[in-house]
Amino acid sequence: MGCTTTGELKEEEKFVGVIQQSQKVSYYGDAPSKLWMGLGLIGGLVSAAAYTPNTTNLYDVLVSGKTRNVTNDDDWPVGTCVEIVPSTKLILGSFPEAKISRSDKC
């Protein structure tokens, strides 16, 4: 019987890889407050104006021969050897909101 992974994240599990590609991506945080929407048209306009997207970086990192997507707010140049500490388990080949630091282990 072969080995399988449960997708559970071990405490302080780390991955080392090289950044292959980088791009800026936008995402929306929490939904606008229903309080603003309850104030009618003016509240809706104020809420929409205040509800702006956030920007982060999406990196393609080559880890053990596989490309993994990693999101992080820090700016890292392509070709940098990095250590990835995921804040969540691997989701469809991606590590959302991972901590990234420079590494000399590549």
Protein backbone atom coordinates (compact mmCIF):
# COMPACT_ATOMS: atom_id res chain seq x y z
CA MET A 1 0.00 0.00 0.00
CA GLY A 2 1.39 3.42 -0.98
CA CYS A 3 1.83 6.44 1.21
CA THR A 4 -0.77 9.16 1.16
CA THR A 5 -0.89 12.55 2.79
CA THR A 6 -3.80 13.80 4.81
CA GLY A 7 -3.23 17.44 3.89
CA GLU A 8 -2.56 18.16 7.56
CA LEU A 9 0.04 20.86 8.12
CA LYS A 10 2.80 19.82 10.48
CA GLU A 11 3.90 22.46 12.94
CA GLU A 12 6.55 24.71 11.36
CA GLU A 13 6.71 22.66 8.16
CA LYS A 14 9.07 24.42 5.75
CA PHE A 15 9.74 24.16 2.03
CA VAL A 16 12.70 25.53 0.08
CA GLY A 17 12.51 26.57 -3.57
CA VAL A 18 13.39 29.13 -6.22
CA ILE A 19 10.97 31.83 -7.36
CA GLN A 20 10.25 31.22 -11.06
CA GLN A 21 7.64 33.91 -11.69
CA SER A 22 6.01 36.79 -9.85
CA GLN A 23 2.86 38.85 -10.40
CA LYS A 24 0.69 41.31 -8.51
CA VAL A 25 -2.86 40.14 -7.80
CA SER A 26 -5.86 41.88 -6.26
CA TYR A 27 -8.37 40.45 -3.85
CA TYR A 28 -11.26 41.77 -1.82
CA GLY A 29 -11.38 41.47 1.94
CA ASP A 30 -14.53 41.50 4.02
CA ALA A 31 -17.84 42.45 2.47
CA PRO A 32 -19.11 46.00 2.93
CA SER A 33 -20.90 46.66 6.17
CA LYS A 34 -24.64 46.06 6.07
CA LEU A 35 -24.98 49.17 8.21
CA TRP A 36 -23.82 51.29 5.27
CA MET A 37 -26.15 49.45 2.92
CA GLY A 38 -28.99 50.07 5.34
CA LEU A 39 -28.55 53.81 4.90
CA GLY A 40 -29.84 53.65 1.36
CA LEU A 41 -28.28 55.06 -1.78
CA ILE A 42 -25.82 57.38 -0.01
CA GLY A 43 -24.70 54.60 2.32
CA GLY A 44 -24.30 52.24 -0.62
CA LEU A 45 -22.15 54.74 -2.50
CA VAL A 46 -19.95 55.43 0.53
CA SER A 47 -19.62 51.70 1.19
CA ALA A 48 -18.66 50.95 -2.44
CA ALA A 49 -16.05 53.72 -2.43
CA ALA A 50 -14.51 52.41 0.79
CA TYR A 51 -14.56 48.79 -0.40
CA THR A 52 -11.32 48.76 -2.41
CA PRO A 53 -9.29 45.72 -3.40
CA ASN A 54 -6.09 44.72 -1.61
CA THR A 55 -2.95 43.84 -3.57
CA THR A 56 -0.51 41.03 -2.85
CA ASN A 57 2.09 39.00 -4.74
CA LEU A 58 1.54 35.61 -6.34
CA TYR A 59 4.74 33.62 -6.79
CA ASP A 60 5.40 30.44 -8.76
CA VAL A 61 8.07 28.66 -6.71
CA LEU A 62 9.86 25.51 -7.87
CA VAL A 63 9.84 23.17 -4.82
CA SER A 64 11.30 19.66 -5.21
CA GLY A 65 10.65 19.67 -8.97
CA LYS A 66 7.03 20.88 -8.63
CA THR A 67 5.73 24.41 -9.13
CA ARG A 68 3.80 25.72 -6.13
CA ASN A 69 1.82 28.95 -5.99
CA VAL A 70 2.56 31.09 -2.95
CA THR A 71 0.91 34.35 -1.95
CA ASN A 72 2.81 36.85 0.15
CA ASP A 73 2.79 40.63 0.64
CA ASP A 74 6.60 40.99 0.47
CA ASP A 75 8.39 41.73 -2.81
CA TRP A 76 10.89 39.06 -3.92
CA PRO A 77 12.77 39.03 -7.24
CA VAL A 78 12.58 36.09 -9.65
CA GLY A 79 15.46 33.66 -9.12
CA THR A 80 15.60 34.15 -5.34
CA CYS A 81 16.05 31.03 -3.21
CA VAL A 82 13.38 31.18 -0.51
CA GLU A 83 12.12 29.22 2.46
CA ILE A 84 8.33 28.92 2.64
CA VAL A 85 6.48 28.48 5.93
CA PRO A 86 2.80 27.93 5.04
CA SER A 87 0.13 29.35 7.32
CA THR A 88 -2.37 26.81 5.96
CA LYS A 89 -2.12 23.37 4.39
CA LEU A 90 -1.45 22.91 0.68
CA ILE A 91 -4.63 23.72 -1.26
CA LEU A 92 -4.69 22.65 -4.94
CA GLY A 93 -0.94 23.17 -5.29
CA SER A 94 -0.96 26.53 -3.52
CA PHE A 95 0.18 27.86 -0.17
CA PRO A 96 -2.11 30.82 0.55
CA GLU A 97 -0.65 33.47 2.84
CA ALA A 98 2.73 31.82 3.45
CA LYS A 99 5.70 33.40 5.20
CA ILE A 100 8.68 33.71 2.87
CA SER A 101 12.29 34.34 3.83
CA ARG A 102 15.56 34.25 1.88
CA SER A 103 17.37 30.91 2.03
CA ASP A 104 20.81 29.58 1.11
CA LYS A 105 19.59 25.95 0.91
CA CYS A 106 18.87 25.80 -2.84
